[in-house]
């Protein structure tokens, strides 16, 4: 067992993990932060995206011990303490950017990273950036609208698929 310590959503946390424990397992099973989803077990779907030291990472691709001392942000840390949704989360809700909701945490965390890099992305840039995130329900149309809306752009020009 290895002791790991990190800051998750602004709180210092620690725990004992086996060396093979993935970050997603540590978040879900040890810290009980179940908003980060495991969708494919092969790092193909993006449902497990979190931010590690400000960068979007598929948390099923790194060991918890690799996040030692890191700043980790999960979907649970996106809303305000009183439950008020972030601008991006609200845009997903307002633009129906979710259906079953399984991919939504990973989509929101990926979109947050995109908007940090590119505050006014085009529709094509959003679609390219999200190519590592799979959604089985929405066809991405409303997800793209939500991200554009969160960036302050007009979404009326986005053609329905």
Protein backbone atom coordinates (compact mmCIF):
# COMPACT_ATOMS: atom_id res chain seq x y z
CA UNK A 1 0.00 0.00 0.00
CA UNK A 2 1.08 3.54 -0.78
CA UNK A 3 -0.13 6.68 0.96
CA UNK A 4 -1.27 9.37 -1.49
CA UNK A 5 -2.13 12.95 -0.71
CA UNK A 6 -3.58 15.52 -3.06
CA UNK A 7 -6.01 18.39 -3.16
CA UNK A 8 -9.37 17.45 -4.64
CA UNK A 9 -11.89 20.20 -5.33
CA UNK A 10 -10.01 22.48 -2.95
CA UNK A 11 -9.82 19.99 -0.07
CA UNK A 12 -6.69 18.18 1.10
CA UNK A 13 -7.27 14.44 0.97
CA UNK A 14 -5.17 11.36 1.50
CA UNK A 15 -5.58 7.64 1.49
CA UNK A 16 -3.82 4.32 1.22
CA UNK A 17 -3.92 2.77 -2.23
CA UNK A 18 -2.44 -0.23 -3.97
CA UNK A 19 0.18 0.82 -6.51
CA UNK A 20 -2.16 -0.26 -9.34
CA UNK A 21 -5.11 1.88 -8.16
CA UNK A 22 -6.25 4.21 -10.89
CA UNK A 23 -7.08 7.82 -10.09
CA UNK A 24 -10.69 7.23 -11.13
CA UNK A 25 -10.93 4.37 -8.62
CA UNK A 26 -9.45 6.51 -5.86
CA UNK A 27 -11.93 9.31 -6.60
CA UNK A 28 -14.97 7.04 -6.83
CA UNK A 29 -14.23 4.33 -4.27
CA UNK A 30 -12.05 6.00 -1.65
CA UNK A 31 -13.35 9.58 -1.80
CA UNK A 32 -16.89 8.61 -2.92
CA UNK A 33 -16.88 11.27 -5.65
CA UNK A 34 -19.00 9.29 -8.08
CA UNK A 35 -19.62 12.06 -10.60
CA UNK A 36 -16.53 10.94 -12.48
CA UNK A 37 -17.74 7.97 -14.50
CA UNK A 38 -16.06 4.83 -15.82
CA UNK A 39 -17.55 4.15 -19.19
CA UNK A 40 -15.31 1.92 -21.25
CA UNK A 41 -12.36 0.69 -19.17
CA UNK A 42 -10.13 1.36 -22.21
CA UNK A 43 -9.66 5.16 -22.06
CA UNK A 44 -11.70 5.63 -25.23
CA UNK A 45 -14.88 7.33 -23.98
CA UNK A 46 -13.83 10.36 -21.89
CA UNK A 47 -16.48 9.84 -19.20
CA UNK A 48 -13.73 9.93 -16.57
CA UNK A 49 -12.14 13.28 -17.50
CA UNK A 50 -10.96 15.35 -14.53
CA UNK A 51 -8.41 18.14 -14.29
CA UNK A 52 -5.02 17.39 -12.79
CA UNK A 53 -2.95 20.50 -12.16
CA UNK A 54 -5.19 22.37 -14.58
CA UNK A 55 -5.01 19.89 -17.46
CA UNK A 56 -7.82 17.63 -18.66
CA UNK A 57 -6.86 14.01 -18.02
CA UNK A 58 -8.70 10.74 -18.47
CA UNK A 59 -8.52 9.56 -14.87
CA UNK A 60 -8.61 5.92 -15.95
CA UNK A 61 -5.20 6.39 -17.60
CA UNK A 62 -3.16 7.42 -14.56
CA UNK A 63 -2.49 5.83 -11.22
CA UNK A 64 -3.63 7.59 -8.06
CA UNK A 65 0.02 7.66 -6.92
CA UNK A 66 0.90 9.70 -10.01
CA UNK A 67 -1.40 12.43 -8.71
CA UNK A 68 0.58 12.69 -5.46
CA UNK A 69 0.64 16.35 -4.44
CA UNK A 70 -1.51 17.37 -7.40
CA UNK A 71 -4.49 19.68 -7.57
CA UNK A 72 -7.42 17.60 -8.87
CA UNK A 73 -10.75 19.06 -9.97
CA UNK A 74 -13.76 16.81 -10.54
CA UNK A 75 -17.27 17.59 -11.71
CA UNK A 76 -18.35 17.83 -8.06
CA UNK A 77 -16.08 20.86 -7.70
CA UNK A 78 -17.64 22.77 -10.58
CA UNK A 79 -20.80 24.03 -8.88
CA UNK A 80 -20.66 26.68 -6.17
CA UNK A 81 -20.87 25.49 -2.55
CA UNK A 82 -24.53 26.52 -2.45
CA UNK A 83 -25.25 24.29 -5.48
CA UNK A 84 -25.39 27.06 -8.06
CA UNK A 85 -24.23 25.59 -11.35
CA UNK A 86 -21.17 26.97 -13.10
CA UNK A 87 -21.75 28.92 -16.31
CA UNK A 88 -20.77 25.85 -18.32
CA UNK A 89 -23.01 23.49 -16.36
CA UNK A 90 -25.91 25.93 -16.70
CA UNK A 91 -25.30 26.17 -20.45
CA UNK A 92 -25.48 22.37 -20.72
CA UNK A 93 -28.80 22.46 -18.88
CA UNK A 94 -30.22 25.42 -20.83
CA UNK A 95 -29.23 23.99 -24.21
CA UNK A 96 -30.20 20.38 -23.48
CA UNK A 97 -26.56 19.29 -23.78
CA UNK A 98 -27.29 16.10 -21.90
CA UNK A 99 -29.71 13.27 -22.19
CA UNK A 100 -28.93 10.21 -20.10
CA UNK A 101 -26.17 12.23 -18.40
CA UNK A 102 -23.55 9.48 -18.34
CA UNK A 103 -21.04 11.33 -20.52
CA UNK A 104 -21.91 14.76 -19.14
CA UNK A 105 -19.27 15.03 -16.38
CA UNK A 106 -16.48 14.18 -18.81
CA UNK A 107 -17.95 16.48 -21.47
CA UNK A 108 -18.17 19.39 -19.02
CA UNK A 109 -14.61 18.87 -17.78
CA UNK A 110 -13.29 18.58 -21.35
CA UNK A 111 -15.25 21.66 -22.39
CA UNK A 112 -13.83 23.59 -19.44
CA UNK A 113 -10.32 22.74 -20.62
CA UNK A 114 -11.17 23.79 -24.17
CA UNK A 115 -12.58 27.14 -23.06
CA UNK A 116 -9.49 27.77 -20.91
CA UNK A 117 -7.32 27.26 -24.02
CA UNK A 118 -9.68 28.86 -26.53
CA UNK A 119 -12.34 31.16 -25.02
CA UNK A 120 -14.29 31.53 -28.31
CA UNK A 121 -13.98 28.24 -30.17
CA UNK A 122 -15.73 27.64 -33.47
CA UNK A 123 -18.17 24.81 -33.94
CA UNK A 124 -15.49 22.84 -35.81
CA UNK A 125 -12.93 23.44 -33.05
CA UNK A 126 -15.38 22.21 -30.41
CA UNK A 127 -16.18 19.08 -32.38
CA UNK A 128 -12.49 18.34 -32.92
CA UNK A 129 -11.66 18.92 -29.25
CA UNK A 130 -14.43 16.61 -28.08
CA UNK A 131 -13.37 13.80 -30.40
CA UNK A 132 -12.01 11.93 -27.38
CA UNK A 133 -15.40 11.99 -25.63
CA UNK A 134 -18.20 9.66 -26.65
CA UNK A 135 -21.91 10.34 -26.27
CA UNK A 136 -24.45 7.71 -27.22
CA UNK A 137 -27.57 9.85 -26.82
CA UNK A 138 -27.33 13.42 -28.06
CA UNK A 139 -25.45 13.34 -31.34
CA UNK A 140 -23.29 16.18 -29.94
CA UNK A 141 -25.40 18.96 -31.48
CA UNK A 142 -26.69 20.35 -28.18
CA UNK A 143 -23.36 19.77 -26.47
CA UNK A 144 -21.71 22.00 -29.07
CA UNK A 145 -24.47 24.59 -28.58
CA UNK A 146 -23.95 24.50 -24.82
CA UNK A 147 -20.22 25.09 -25.12
CA UNK A 148 -20.70 27.94 -27.57
CA UNK A 149 -23.35 29.47 -25.30
CA UNK A 150 -21.04 29.19 -22.29
CA UNK A 151 -18.40 31.07 -24.29
CA UNK A 152 -20.88 33.89 -24.93
CA UNK A 153 -21.39 33.12 -28.60
CA UNK A 154 -24.63 33.11 -30.56
CA UNK A 155 -25.87 29.54 -30.98
CA UNK A 156 -28.65 30.26 -33.46
CA UNK A 157 -26.34 29.63 -36.41
CA UNK A 158 -25.61 26.03 -35.44
CA UNK A 159 -27.51 23.87 -37.88
CA UNK A 160 -29.37 20.83 -36.58
CA UNK A 161 -27.85 17.53 -37.59
